[in-house]
Each structure stands twice: as structure tokens, then as C-alpha cells.
N, C-alpha and C. Protein backbone atom coordinates (compact mmCIF):
# COMPACT_ATOMS: atom_id res chain seq x y z
N MET A 1 -36.41 13.52 -13.36
CA MET A 1 -35.46 12.75 -12.58
C MET A 1 -34.61 13.85 -11.68
N ALA A 2 -34.68 13.55 -10.36
CA ALA A 2 -34.03 14.42 -9.47
C ALA A 2 -32.48 14.49 -9.50
N SER A 3 -31.95 15.59 -9.57
CA SER A 3 -30.43 15.69 -9.65
C SER A 3 -29.86 15.58 -8.29
N GLN A 4 -28.73 14.73 -8.08
CA GLN A 4 -28.18 14.62 -6.78
C GLN A 4 -27.04 15.37 -6.65
N VAL A 5 -26.89 15.91 -5.37
CA VAL A 5 -25.65 16.64 -5.16
C VAL A 5 -24.69 15.85 -4.57
N ARG A 6 -23.47 15.79 -5.25
CA ARG A 6 -22.42 15.08 -4.62
C ARG A 6 -21.31 15.80 -4.26
N LEU A 7 -20.96 15.87 -3.07
CA LEU A 7 -19.91 16.61 -2.29
C LEU A 7 -18.73 15.85 -2.23
N LYS A 8 -17.66 16.48 -2.68
CA LYS A 8 -16.10 15.85 -2.67
C LYS A 8 -15.63 16.24 -1.34
N LEU A 9 -15.48 15.18 -0.56
CA LEU A 9 -15.01 15.56 0.90
C LEU A 9 -13.65 14.85 1.05
N ASP A 10 -13.02 14.23 -0.09
CA ASP A 10 -11.68 13.71 0.28
C ASP A 10 -10.66 14.62 0.76
N ASN A 11 -10.54 15.79 0.27
CA ASN A 11 -9.56 16.74 0.71
C ASN A 11 -9.89 17.41 1.88
N THR A 12 -11.08 17.22 2.62
CA THR A 12 -11.29 17.80 3.89
C THR A 12 -11.44 16.81 5.09
N ILE A 13 -12.44 16.02 4.93
CA ILE A 13 -12.70 14.93 5.99
C ILE A 13 -11.63 13.87 5.87
N GLY A 14 -11.25 13.47 4.58
CA GLY A 14 -10.22 12.39 4.34
C GLY A 14 -8.95 13.06 4.92
N ALA A 15 -8.54 14.24 4.75
CA ALA A 15 -7.36 14.80 5.19
C ALA A 15 -7.27 14.86 6.75
N ALA A 16 -8.34 15.05 7.40
CA ALA A 16 -8.67 15.06 8.83
C ALA A 16 -8.40 13.67 9.36
N PHE A 17 -8.92 12.64 8.61
CA PHE A 17 -8.78 11.36 9.08
C PHE A 17 -7.34 10.78 9.07
N ILE A 18 -6.63 11.14 7.96
CA ILE A 18 -5.28 10.81 7.84
C ILE A 18 -4.45 11.58 8.87
N GLY A 19 -4.84 12.87 9.09
CA GLY A 19 -3.94 13.54 9.97
C GLY A 19 -4.14 12.95 11.46
N ASN A 20 -5.41 12.36 11.75
CA ASN A 20 -5.72 11.78 13.04
C ASN A 20 -4.87 10.46 13.14
N VAL A 21 -4.89 9.64 12.12
CA VAL A 21 -4.14 8.31 12.18
C VAL A 21 -2.66 8.66 12.36
N ILE A 22 -2.05 9.70 11.71
CA ILE A 22 -0.72 10.08 12.04
C ILE A 22 -0.40 10.51 13.39
N ALA A 23 -1.38 11.41 13.89
CA ALA A 23 -1.25 11.95 15.20
C ALA A 23 -1.22 10.82 16.18
N ALA A 24 -2.14 9.77 15.93
CA ALA A 24 -2.27 8.67 16.86
C ALA A 24 -0.91 7.84 17.07
N ALA A 25 -0.19 7.80 15.85
CA ALA A 25 1.10 7.13 15.86
C ALA A 25 2.11 7.82 16.58
N LEU A 26 2.08 9.17 16.30
CA LEU A 26 3.08 10.09 17.05
C LEU A 26 2.76 10.18 18.43
N TYR A 27 1.51 10.09 18.85
CA TYR A 27 1.12 10.20 20.19
C TYR A 27 1.71 8.91 20.97
N GLY A 28 1.68 7.74 20.23
CA GLY A 28 2.25 6.49 20.86
C GLY A 28 3.86 6.65 21.01
N VAL A 29 4.38 7.25 20.05
CA VAL A 29 5.82 7.54 20.20
C VAL A 29 6.21 8.52 21.28
N ALA A 30 5.21 9.57 21.49
CA ALA A 30 5.41 10.39 22.54
C ALA A 30 5.26 9.98 23.91
N CYS A 31 4.26 9.01 24.00
CA CYS A 31 4.03 8.31 25.19
C CYS A 31 5.24 7.40 25.63
N LEU A 32 5.69 6.73 24.69
CA LEU A 32 6.93 5.82 24.88
C LEU A 32 8.15 6.71 25.36
N GLN A 33 8.39 7.75 24.61
CA GLN A 33 9.46 8.72 25.02
C GLN A 33 9.41 9.13 26.33
N THR A 34 8.02 9.70 26.85
CA THR A 34 8.01 10.10 28.05
C THR A 34 8.05 9.10 29.11
N PHE A 35 7.65 7.80 28.86
CA PHE A 35 7.78 6.74 29.88
C PHE A 35 9.32 6.56 29.97
N TYR A 36 10.12 6.45 28.95
CA TYR A 36 11.63 6.27 29.08
C TYR A 36 12.29 7.45 29.82
N TYR A 37 11.79 8.69 29.34
CA TYR A 37 12.44 9.87 30.03
C TYR A 37 12.33 9.77 31.57
N PHE A 38 11.13 9.78 31.92
CA PHE A 38 10.74 9.76 33.46
C PHE A 38 11.22 8.54 34.12
N ARG A 39 11.32 7.42 33.47
CA ARG A 39 11.94 6.29 34.15
C ARG A 39 13.30 6.34 34.30
N LYS A 40 14.08 6.88 33.46
CA LYS A 40 15.59 7.08 33.73
C LYS A 40 15.85 8.30 34.43
N LYS A 41 15.29 9.53 34.11
CA LYS A 41 15.77 10.68 34.66
C LYS A 41 15.08 11.11 35.84
N PHE A 42 13.84 10.83 35.98
CA PHE A 42 13.30 11.38 37.15
C PHE A 42 12.28 10.31 37.90
N ARG A 43 11.80 10.56 39.08
CA ARG A 43 10.99 9.53 39.70
C ARG A 43 9.58 10.01 39.93
N ASP A 44 9.24 11.20 39.38
CA ASP A 44 7.86 11.74 39.58
C ASP A 44 7.13 11.45 38.36
N THR A 45 5.74 11.68 38.36
CA THR A 45 5.08 11.19 37.24
C THR A 45 4.65 12.31 36.35
N PRO A 46 4.62 11.90 34.99
CA PRO A 46 4.48 13.02 34.05
C PRO A 46 2.79 13.11 33.55
N ALA A 47 2.07 13.13 34.60
CA ALA A 47 0.71 12.90 34.47
C ALA A 47 0.00 13.92 33.60
N PHE A 48 0.35 15.22 33.79
CA PHE A 48 -0.50 16.35 33.26
C PHE A 48 -0.19 16.29 31.68
N ARG A 49 0.97 16.28 31.33
CA ARG A 49 1.33 16.25 29.91
C ARG A 49 0.66 15.21 29.10
N LEU A 50 0.89 14.02 29.77
CA LEU A 50 0.31 12.83 29.09
C LEU A 50 -1.21 12.80 29.11
N LEU A 51 -1.81 13.27 30.09
CA LEU A 51 -3.22 13.54 30.28
C LEU A 51 -3.76 14.32 29.27
N SER A 52 -3.20 15.51 29.05
CA SER A 52 -3.71 16.52 28.13
C SER A 52 -3.60 15.98 26.70
N ASP A 53 -2.42 15.31 26.43
CA ASP A 53 -2.37 14.85 25.09
C ASP A 53 -3.38 13.53 24.81
N THR A 54 -3.57 12.92 25.85
CA THR A 54 -4.68 11.79 25.70
C THR A 54 -6.12 12.33 25.41
N VAL A 55 -6.35 13.31 26.33
CA VAL A 55 -7.71 14.05 26.03
C VAL A 55 -7.94 14.70 24.77
N GLN A 56 -6.88 15.17 24.22
CA GLN A 56 -6.96 15.87 22.85
C GLN A 56 -7.09 15.06 21.78
N LEU A 57 -6.34 13.79 21.87
CA LEU A 57 -6.62 12.71 20.87
C LEU A 57 -7.96 12.12 21.03
N ILE A 58 -8.40 11.86 22.18
CA ILE A 58 -9.78 11.27 22.29
C ILE A 58 -10.87 12.20 21.66
N PHE A 59 -10.96 13.46 22.03
CA PHE A 59 -11.88 14.16 21.31
C PHE A 59 -11.87 14.47 19.89
N VAL A 60 -10.59 14.62 19.43
CA VAL A 60 -10.39 14.71 17.80
C VAL A 60 -10.82 13.38 17.29
N THR A 61 -10.63 12.34 17.74
CA THR A 61 -11.17 11.03 17.28
C THR A 61 -12.65 10.98 17.37
N HIS A 62 -13.21 11.44 18.41
CA HIS A 62 -14.65 11.59 18.65
C HIS A 62 -15.33 12.30 17.54
N THR A 63 -14.60 13.63 17.35
CA THR A 63 -15.11 14.50 16.35
C THR A 63 -15.14 13.76 15.02
N LEU A 64 -14.00 13.33 14.73
CA LEU A 64 -13.97 12.55 13.31
C LEU A 64 -15.14 11.47 13.18
N TYR A 65 -15.23 10.62 14.44
CA TYR A 65 -16.33 9.59 14.30
C TYR A 65 -17.60 10.13 13.99
N HIS A 66 -17.91 11.27 14.67
CA HIS A 66 -19.11 11.98 14.56
C HIS A 66 -19.49 12.43 13.11
N TYR A 67 -18.48 12.99 12.42
CA TYR A 67 -18.64 13.33 10.93
C TYR A 67 -18.55 12.27 9.95
N MET A 68 -17.59 11.19 10.34
CA MET A 68 -17.49 10.21 9.30
C MET A 68 -18.32 8.99 9.46
N ILE A 69 -18.70 8.63 10.55
CA ILE A 69 -19.52 7.38 10.88
C ILE A 69 -20.99 7.66 11.29
N THR A 70 -21.14 8.52 12.24
CA THR A 70 -22.44 8.76 12.67
C THR A 70 -23.12 9.43 11.49
N ASN A 71 -22.72 10.36 10.92
CA ASN A 71 -23.34 11.36 9.95
C ASN A 71 -22.86 11.06 8.53
N TYR A 72 -22.59 9.70 8.29
CA TYR A 72 -22.24 9.38 7.07
C TYR A 72 -23.30 9.64 5.97
N ALA A 73 -22.84 10.25 4.77
CA ALA A 73 -23.88 10.64 3.86
C ALA A 73 -24.78 11.61 4.24
N ASN A 74 -24.50 12.55 5.24
CA ASN A 74 -25.30 13.62 5.67
C ASN A 74 -24.42 14.86 5.59
N PRO A 75 -24.36 15.56 4.47
CA PRO A 75 -23.35 16.70 4.23
C PRO A 75 -24.04 17.80 5.05
N LEU A 76 -25.31 17.98 5.39
CA LEU A 76 -25.73 18.97 6.27
C LEU A 76 -25.15 19.01 7.66
N SER A 77 -24.70 17.95 8.17
CA SER A 77 -24.05 17.71 9.62
C SER A 77 -22.82 18.75 9.50
N LEU A 78 -22.11 18.87 8.52
CA LEU A 78 -20.96 19.84 8.58
C LEU A 78 -21.33 21.16 8.78
N PHE A 79 -22.42 21.59 8.75
CA PHE A 79 -22.95 22.98 8.90
C PHE A 79 -23.20 23.19 10.41
N SER A 80 -23.42 22.08 11.08
CA SER A 80 -23.64 22.25 12.59
C SER A 80 -22.57 21.42 13.35
N PRO A 81 -21.66 22.30 13.94
CA PRO A 81 -20.53 21.52 14.60
C PRO A 81 -20.96 20.73 15.87
N ASN A 82 -20.26 19.77 16.16
CA ASN A 82 -20.62 19.07 17.45
C ASN A 82 -19.87 19.81 18.65
N TRP A 83 -20.35 19.27 19.79
CA TRP A 83 -19.97 20.08 20.98
C TRP A 83 -18.36 20.25 21.17
N TRP A 84 -17.54 19.47 20.77
CA TRP A 84 -16.09 19.55 20.79
C TRP A 84 -15.75 20.43 20.01
N VAL A 85 -16.12 20.68 18.77
CA VAL A 85 -15.59 21.87 17.90
C VAL A 85 -16.03 23.05 18.35
N GLN A 86 -17.11 23.26 18.86
CA GLN A 86 -17.63 24.53 19.58
C GLN A 86 -16.79 24.87 20.71
N PHE A 87 -16.42 23.91 21.45
CA PHE A 87 -15.65 24.08 22.72
C PHE A 87 -14.28 24.59 22.29
N HIS A 88 -13.64 23.83 21.30
CA HIS A 88 -12.31 23.79 21.01
C HIS A 88 -11.98 25.15 20.20
N PHE A 89 -12.86 25.43 19.30
CA PHE A 89 -12.66 26.57 18.45
C PHE A 89 -13.88 27.50 18.54
N PRO A 90 -13.74 28.33 19.71
CA PRO A 90 -14.91 29.45 19.72
C PRO A 90 -14.80 30.41 18.84
N MET A 91 -15.86 30.72 18.29
CA MET A 91 -16.02 31.80 17.23
C MET A 91 -16.77 32.90 17.75
């Protein structure tokens, strides 16, 4: 009988997922605050800050989707980072 290797990823990938959900909620709050601030105080657009936060959240969500959904039950995928991890964290 072949023994199976069981990896416990609750405290790594699970923590990343929970952190991403909290980040998405806080991102919504930041968008709302930015909207109200620039609506009342200034008449120009806060495009750069909002765009950079949006891009960051999209790519982190993409990375989590890659590891949690696309490579579900494939622990070897953790040893080959996807393109966003390589771009964001150069080693």
C-alpha cells in the first residue's frame, strides 16, 4: 500500500486567502473614502492611487486563484511560483 503525503496548508494558503478577503473589504472602504474625499475637497481625479490599489488586489487574487483553484491538490505547484510572484518578489 502506497503511503500518501498530506500537506497541511491551512496556516499558509488559508492565511493568504483570509488576508486577501480582508484586504478586499478594506479596499472597498478605501475606495469609498477616496471617493468622498475627492468629491468634497478636490475636483481632480484620484486615478493613480486607486488604480495602483486595484491592480495590486487583482494580481494577489489571481495568484491565490492559481494556487488554490487551478492547482488544487497539486502541492508541487508551490515550488514553481507563477509570473506575478516572480515579478512582485524578485529573488
